[in-house]
Amino acid sequence: ALGGVRRRSGGDLDLLSHSTPIICERSQPQPQPGRTSSPSPVAEDDGDGDKGRFCCFPKDPLNDVETWSESVDKVLGCKAGQIAFREFLKSEYSEENILFWLACEDYKKIKTVPEMISSANRIYSEFVHSEAPRQINIDCTTRENITKNISQPTLTSFDTAQKLVYSLMARDCYPRFLKSDIYQGLLRKADSR
């Protein structure tokens, strides 16, 4: 067990027990218009000789578990937070929420029209269609609008649905996540280091 967290063999939480570098996307420097981006982010020494600290996890994915209690964005902004939150949602049979949200985040980064069409159809058939295997809980109007426009998708095709799912996770799931055995176990594990 991981600090009171039951782990399934090969489960995602196994990743959190290893000291593997996980670099969060949000920690990467974003190129500014008119400027060239530096080839790699500069590692800062935080005083304990631990160089290479990026966003949440330099060498230990549990270092900043405590910050996850600040907001759902802190959880969703880091790979290890996503893994833990997904495990929690899986236990509540609502894993489709984070999977859809993550799929939308990836979708918005697409650069080519053929890739966008392909990805939009995959997201639609997996999460939005009325008989989708991982159907998300959205209102009929939003579902109908996506269905009506899926033949000519844009990068904003799923924005309304993503906002609804985000709101559902932030309002309903996230407070329960903070009280869950999964999060509390990870907190204890982090505190014991």
C-alpha atoms as a PDB file:
ATOM      1  CA  ALA A   1       0.000   0.000   0.000  1.00  0.00           C
ATOM      2  CA  LEU A   2       1.111   3.550  -0.757  1.00  0.00           C
ATOM      3  CA  GLY A   3       0.590   5.490   2.475  1.00  0.00           C
ATOM      4  CA  GLY A   4      -2.812   3.904   2.981  1.00  0.00           C
ATOM      5  CA  VAL A   5      -3.616   3.898  -0.733  1.00  0.00           C
ATOM      6  CA  ARG A   6      -4.375   0.541  -2.243  1.00  0.00           C
ATOM      7  CA  ARG A   7      -2.547   0.095  -5.514  1.00  0.00           C
ATOM      8  CA  ARG A   8      -3.658  -2.204  -8.246  1.00  0.00           C
ATOM      9  CA  SER A   9      -0.871  -4.016  -9.991  1.00  0.00           C
ATOM     10  CA  GLY A  10       0.276  -1.872 -12.880  1.00  0.00           C
ATOM     11  CA  GLY A  11      -2.041   0.951 -11.820  1.00  0.00           C
ATOM     12  CA  ASP A  12      -1.334   4.610 -12.491  1.00  0.00           C
ATOM     13  CA  LEU A  13      -0.655   5.291  -8.819  1.00  0.00           C
ATOM     14  CA  ASP A  14       2.397   3.037  -9.128  1.00  0.00           C
ATOM     15  CA  LEU A  15       3.947   5.883 -11.128  1.00  0.00           C
ATOM     16  CA  LEU A  16       3.669   8.171  -8.119  1.00  0.00           C
ATOM     17  CA  SER A  17       5.725   5.862  -5.932  1.00  0.00           C
ATOM     18  CA  HIS A  18       8.794   6.062  -8.142  1.00  0.00           C
ATOM     19  CA  SER A  19      11.310   8.882  -8.215  1.00  0.00           C
ATOM     20  CA  THR A  20      10.881   9.607 -11.888  1.00  0.00           C
ATOM     21  CA  PRO A  21      11.297  13.067 -13.378  1.00  0.00           C
ATOM     22  CA  ILE A  22       7.940  14.435 -14.422  1.00  0.00           C
ATOM     23  CA  ILE A  23       8.034  17.825 -16.084  1.00  0.00           C
ATOM     24  CA  CYS A  24       4.728  19.609 -16.225  1.00  0.00           C
ATOM     25  CA  GLU A  25       3.811  21.223 -19.482  1.00  0.00           C
ATOM     26  CA  ARG A  26       2.874  24.499 -17.776  1.00  0.00           C
ATOM     27  CA  SER A  27       6.392  24.803 -16.405  1.00  0.00           C
ATOM     28  CA  GLN A  28       7.910  24.917 -19.854  1.00  0.00           C
ATOM     29  CA  PRO A  29       8.829  28.416 -20.975  1.00  0.00           C
ATOM     30  CA  GLN A  30       6.324  29.768 -23.492  1.00  0.00           C
ATOM     31  CA  PRO A  31       7.871  31.615 -26.418  1.00  0.00           C
ATOM     32  CA  GLN A  32       7.026  35.311 -26.401  1.00  0.00           C
ATOM     33  CA  PRO A  33       6.098  36.975 -29.686  1.00  0.00           C
ATOM     34  CA  GLY A  34       9.199  38.454 -31.293  1.00  0.00           C
ATOM     35  CA  ARG A  35      11.540  36.572 -28.967  1.00  0.00           C
ATOM     36  CA  THR A  36      13.442  33.389 -29.439  1.00  0.00           C
ATOM     37  CA  SER A  37      12.845  30.822 -26.766  1.00  0.00           C
ATOM     38  CA  SER A  38      15.723  29.461 -24.753  1.00  0.00           C
ATOM     39  CA  PRO A  39      16.704  25.915 -25.652  1.00  0.00           C
ATOM     40  CA  SER A  40      15.898  24.545 -22.200  1.00  0.00           C
ATOM     41  CA  PRO A  41      14.392  25.772 -18.957  1.00  0.00           C
ATOM     42  CA  VAL A  42      16.885  26.938 -16.364  1.00  0.00           C
ATOM     43  CA  ALA A  43      16.977  24.774 -13.275  1.00  0.00           C
ATOM     44  CA  GLU A  44      16.902  26.596  -9.990  1.00  0.00           C
ATOM     45  CA  ASP A  45      18.510  25.437  -6.793  1.00  0.00           C
ATOM     46  CA  ASP A  46      15.954  25.709  -3.999  1.00  0.00           C
ATOM     47  CA  GLY A  47      18.606  25.666  -1.286  1.00  0.00           C
ATOM     48  CA  ASP A  48      18.627  21.967  -0.568  1.00  0.00           C
ATOM     49  CA  GLY A  49      20.840  21.144  -3.542  1.00  0.00           C
ATOM     50  CA  ASP A  50      17.860  19.807  -5.489  1.00  0.00           C
ATOM     51  CA  LYS A  51      18.436  21.175  -8.990  1.00  0.00           C
ATOM     52  CA  GLY A  52      16.004  20.739 -11.826  1.00  0.00           C
ATOM     53  CA  ARG A  53      12.768  21.662 -10.031  1.00  0.00           C
ATOM     54  CA  PHE A  54       9.981  22.125 -12.574  1.00  0.00           C
ATOM     55  CA  CYS A  55       6.433  22.996 -11.522  1.00  0.00           C
ATOM     56  CA  CYS A  56       5.508  20.073  -9.328  1.00  0.00           C
ATOM     57  CA  PHE A  57       8.025  17.294  -9.586  1.00  0.00           C
ATOM     58  CA  PRO A  58      11.786  17.386 -10.000  1.00  0.00           C
ATOM     59  CA  LYS A  59      12.700  13.871  -8.951  1.00  0.00           C
ATOM     60  CA  ASP A  60       9.874  12.991  -6.604  1.00  0.00           C
ATOM     61  CA  PRO A  61       6.310  13.273  -7.928  1.00  0.00           C
ATOM     62  CA  LEU A  62       4.994  13.675  -4.383  1.00  0.00           C
ATOM     63  CA  ASN A  63       6.919  16.854  -3.527  1.00  0.00           C
ATOM     64  CA  ASP A  64       4.037  19.256  -4.082  1.00  0.00           C
ATOM     65  CA  VAL A  65       1.028  17.101  -3.221  1.00  0.00           C
ATOM     66  CA  GLU A  66       0.089  19.675  -0.571  1.00  0.00           C
ATOM     67  CA  THR A  67      -0.382  22.376  -3.241  1.00  0.00           C
ATOM     68  CA  TRP A  68      -3.124  20.295  -4.852  1.00  0.00           C
ATOM     69  CA  SER A  69      -5.450  21.415  -2.062  1.00  0.00           C
ATOM     70  CA  GLU A  70      -5.208  25.022  -3.313  1.00  0.00           C
ATOM     71  CA  SER A  71      -7.293  24.512  -6.462  1.00  0.00           C
ATOM     72  CA  VAL A  72      -8.380  21.963  -9.017  1.00  0.00           C
ATOM     73  CA  ASP A  73      -6.049  23.765 -11.467  1.00  0.00           C
ATOM     74  CA  LYS A  74      -3.053  22.734  -9.328  1.00  0.00           C
ATOM     75  CA  VAL A  75      -4.174  19.106  -9.672  1.00  0.00           C
ATOM     76  CA  LEU A  76      -4.900  19.297 -13.389  1.00  0.00           C
ATOM     77  CA  GLY A  77      -1.736  21.315 -14.086  1.00  0.00           C
ATOM     78  CA  CYS A  78       0.630  18.487 -13.211  1.00  0.00           C
ATOM     79  CA  LYS A  79       0.987  14.972 -14.563  1.00  0.00           C
ATOM     80  CA  ALA A  80       1.082  13.322 -11.142  1.00  0.00           C
ATOM     81  CA  GLY A  81      -1.962  15.305 -10.039  1.00  0.00           C
ATOM     82  CA  GLN A  82      -3.814  14.155 -13.145  1.00  0.00           C
ATOM     83  CA  ILE A  83      -2.874  10.550 -12.383  1.00  0.00           C
ATOM     84  CA  ALA A  84      -4.082  10.732  -8.782  1.00  0.00           C
ATOM     85  CA  PHE A  85      -7.291  12.588  -9.711  1.00  0.00           C
ATOM     86  CA  ARG A  86      -7.977  10.088 -12.483  1.00  0.00           C
ATOM     87  CA  GLU A  87      -7.582   7.195 -10.017  1.00  0.00           C
ATOM     88  CA  PHE A  88     -10.072   8.921  -7.725  1.00  0.00           C
ATOM     89  CA  LEU A  89     -12.554   9.561 -10.544  1.00  0.00           C
ATOM     90  CA  LYS A  90     -12.182   5.942 -11.630  1.00  0.00           C
ATOM     91  CA  SER A  91     -13.208   4.887  -8.118  1.00  0.00           C
ATOM     92  CA  GLU A  92     -16.324   7.071  -8.510  1.00  0.00           C
ATOM     93  CA  TYR A  93     -17.059   5.730 -12.010  1.00  0.00           C
ATOM     94  CA  SER A  94     -16.591   9.168 -13.548  1.00  0.00           C
ATOM     95  CA  GLU A  95     -13.161   8.817 -15.138  1.00  0.00           C
ATOM     96  CA  GLU A  96     -14.615  10.027 -18.444  1.00  0.00           C
ATOM     97  CA  ASN A  97     -14.589  13.589 -17.076  1.00  0.00           C
ATOM     98  CA  ILE A  98     -10.819  13.949 -16.813  1.00  0.00           C
ATOM     99  CA  LEU A  99     -10.222  11.879 -19.956  1.00  0.00           C
ATOM    100  CA  PHE A 100     -12.498  14.216 -21.927  1.00  0.00           C
ATOM    101  CA  TRP A 101     -10.930  17.322 -20.384  1.00  0.00           C
ATOM    102  CA  LEU A 102      -7.411  16.086 -21.239  1.00  0.00           C
ATOM    103  CA  ALA A 103      -8.498  15.122 -24.773  1.00  0.00           C
ATOM    104  CA  CYS A 104      -9.846  18.665 -25.251  1.00  0.00           C
ATOM    105  CA  GLU A 105      -6.585  20.171 -23.987  1.00  0.00           C
ATOM    106  CA  ASP A 106      -4.648  18.113 -26.562  1.00  0.00           C
ATOM    107  CA  TYR A 107      -7.211  18.909 -29.260  1.00  0.00           C
ATOM    108  CA  LYS A 108      -6.707  22.667 -28.861  1.00  0.00           C
ATOM    109  CA  LYS A 109      -2.987  22.248 -29.701  1.00  0.00           C
ATOM    110  CA  ILE A 110      -3.610  20.615 -33.084  1.00  0.00           C
ATOM    111  CA  LYS A 111      -1.943  22.349 -36.018  1.00  0.00           C
ATOM    112  CA  THR A 112      -3.374  20.668 -39.146  1.00  0.00           C
ATOM    113  CA  VAL A 113      -6.944  20.392 -40.460  1.00  0.00           C
ATOM    114  CA  PRO A 114      -6.819  16.630 -41.201  1.00  0.00           C
ATOM    115  CA  GLU A 115      -5.538  15.942 -37.685  1.00  0.00           C
ATOM    116  CA  MET A 116      -8.231  18.208 -36.230  1.00  0.00           C
ATOM    117  CA  ILE A 117     -11.015  16.421 -38.136  1.00  0.00           C
ATOM    118  CA  SER A 118      -9.725  13.011 -37.102  1.00  0.00           C
ATOM    119  CA  SER A 119      -9.310  14.002 -33.464  1.00  0.00           C
ATOM    120  CA  ALA A 120     -12.697  15.764 -33.315  1.00  0.00           C
ATOM    121  CA  ASN A 121     -14.429  12.647 -34.605  1.00  0.00           C
ATOM    122  CA  ARG A 122     -12.589  10.463 -32.089  1.00  0.00           C
ATOM    123  CA  ILE A 123     -13.523  12.756 -29.172  1.00  0.00           C
ATOM    124  CA  TYR A 124     -17.115  12.945 -30.416  1.00  0.00           C
ATOM    125  CA  SER A 125     -17.539   9.187 -30.769  1.00  0.00           C
ATOM    126  CA  GLU A 126     -15.801   8.413 -27.460  1.00  0.00           C
ATOM    127  CA  PHE A 127     -17.328  11.089 -25.214  1.00  0.00           C
ATOM    128  CA  VAL A 128     -20.149  13.129 -26.804  1.00  0.00           C
ATOM    129  CA  HIS A 129     -22.254  10.885 -29.055  1.00  0.00           C
ATOM    130  CA  SER A 130     -25.504   9.751 -27.432  1.00  0.00           C
ATOM    131  CA  GLU A 131     -24.200   6.163 -27.370  1.00  0.00           C
ATOM    132  CA  ALA A 132     -20.552   6.981 -26.638  1.00  0.00           C
ATOM    133  CA  PRO A 133     -18.740   4.392 -24.483  1.00  0.00           C
ATOM    134  CA  ARG A 134     -17.499   7.129 -22.111  1.00  0.00           C
ATOM    135  CA  GLN A 135     -20.363   9.565 -22.480  1.00  0.00           C
ATOM    136  CA  ILE A 136     -19.891  12.795 -20.539  1.00  0.00           C
ATOM    137  CA  ASN A 137     -22.712  14.435 -18.607  1.00  0.00           C
ATOM    138  CA  ILE A 138     -23.596  17.579 -20.584  1.00  0.00           C
ATOM    139  CA  ASP A 139     -26.897  19.257 -21.413  1.00  0.00           C
ATOM    140  CA  CYS A 140     -28.851  18.358 -24.569  1.00  0.00           C
ATOM    141  CA  THR A 141     -28.279  21.732 -26.240  1.00  0.00           C
ATOM    142  CA  THR A 142     -24.483  21.475 -25.954  1.00  0.00           C
ATOM    143  CA  ARG A 143     -24.551  17.876 -27.221  1.00  0.00           C
ATOM    144  CA  GLU A 144     -26.797  18.852 -30.160  1.00  0.00           C
ATOM    145  CA  ASN A 145     -24.576  21.815 -31.101  1.00  0.00           C
ATOM    146  CA  ILE A 146     -21.490  19.606 -31.205  1.00  0.00           C
ATOM    147  CA  THR A 147     -23.362  16.946 -33.199  1.00  0.00           C
ATOM    148  CA  LYS A 148     -24.629  19.537 -35.692  1.00  0.00           C
ATOM    149  CA  ASN A 149     -21.128  20.957 -36.301  1.00  0.00           C
ATOM    150  CA  ILE A 150     -18.955  17.822 -36.047  1.00  0.00           C
ATOM    151  CA  SER A 151     -18.680  17.532 -39.846  1.00  0.00           C
ATOM    152  CA  GLN A 152     -16.836  20.883 -39.880  1.00  0.00           C
ATOM    153  CA  PRO A 153     -14.999  21.037 -36.551  1.00  0.00           C
ATOM    154  CA  THR A 154     -13.006  24.015 -35.305  1.00  0.00           C
ATOM    155  CA  LEU A 155     -10.491  24.247 -32.466  1.00  0.00           C
ATOM    156  CA  THR A 156     -13.317  25.605 -30.265  1.00  0.00           C
ATOM    157  CA  SER A 157     -15.819  22.837 -31.080  1.00  0.00           C
ATOM    158  CA  PHE A 158     -15.636  21.301 -27.611  1.00  0.00           C
ATOM    159  CA  ASP A 159     -15.044  24.455 -25.521  1.00  0.00           C
ATOM    160  CA  THR A 160     -18.540  24.684 -24.050  1.00  0.00           C
ATOM    161  CA  ALA A 161     -18.610  20.987 -23.160  1.00  0.00           C
ATOM    162  CA  GLN A 162     -15.110  21.187 -21.684  1.00  0.00           C
ATOM    163  CA  LYS A 163     -16.132  24.135 -19.492  1.00  0.00           C
ATOM    164  CA  LEU A 164     -19.169  22.205 -18.242  1.00  0.00           C
ATOM    165  CA  VAL A 165     -17.065  19.151 -17.414  1.00  0.00           C
ATOM    166  CA  TYR A 166     -14.401  21.305 -15.742  1.00  0.00           C
ATOM    167  CA  SER A 167     -17.087  22.980 -13.636  1.00  0.00           C
ATOM    168  CA  LEU A 168     -18.503  19.585 -12.658  1.00  0.00           C
ATOM    169  CA  MET A 169     -15.058  18.334 -11.612  1.00  0.00           C
ATOM    170  CA  ALA A 170     -14.203  21.539  -9.723  1.00  0.00           C
ATOM    171  CA  ARG A 171     -17.534  21.821  -7.931  1.00  0.00           C
ATOM    172  CA  ASP A 172     -18.423  18.178  -7.222  1.00  0.00           C
ATOM    173  CA  CYS A 173     -15.465  15.823  -7.658  1.00  0.00           C
ATOM    174  CA  TYR A 174     -12.530  17.931  -6.466  1.00  0.00           C
ATOM    175  CA  PRO A 175     -13.805  18.537  -2.885  1.00  0.00           C
ATOM    176  CA  ARG A 176     -14.398  14.778  -2.511  1.00  0.00           C
ATOM    177  CA  PHE A 177     -10.950  14.075  -3.965  1.00  0.00           C
ATOM    178  CA  LEU A 178      -9.343  16.173  -1.211  1.00  0.00           C
ATOM    179  CA  LYS A 179     -11.104  14.041   1.430  1.00  0.00           C
ATOM    180  CA  SER A 180     -10.450  10.751  -0.359  1.00  0.00           C
ATOM    181  CA  ASP A 181      -8.161   7.962   0.808  1.00  0.00           C
ATOM    182  CA  ILE A 182      -6.183   8.445  -2.394  1.00  0.00           C
ATOM    183  CA  TYR A 183      -5.275  12.081  -1.729  1.00  0.00           C
ATOM    184  CA  GLN A 184      -4.937  11.702   2.036  1.00  0.00           C
ATOM    185  CA  GLY A 185      -2.672   8.696   1.525  1.00  0.00           C
ATOM    186  CA  LEU A 186      -0.455  10.627  -0.873  1.00  0.00           C
ATOM    187  CA  LEU A 187      -0.311  13.519   1.610  1.00  0.00           C
ATOM    188  CA  ARG A 188       0.809  11.159   4.389  1.00  0.00           C
ATOM    189  CA  LYS A 189       3.350   9.591   2.074  1.00  0.00           C
ATOM    190  CA  ALA A 190       4.724  13.036   1.136  1.00  0.00           C
ATOM    191  CA  ASP A 191       4.791  14.202   4.784  1.00  0.00           C
ATOM    192  CA  SER A 192       6.711  11.131   5.893  1.00  0.00           C
ATOM    193  CA  ARG A 193       9.641  11.960   3.580  1.00  0.00           C
END
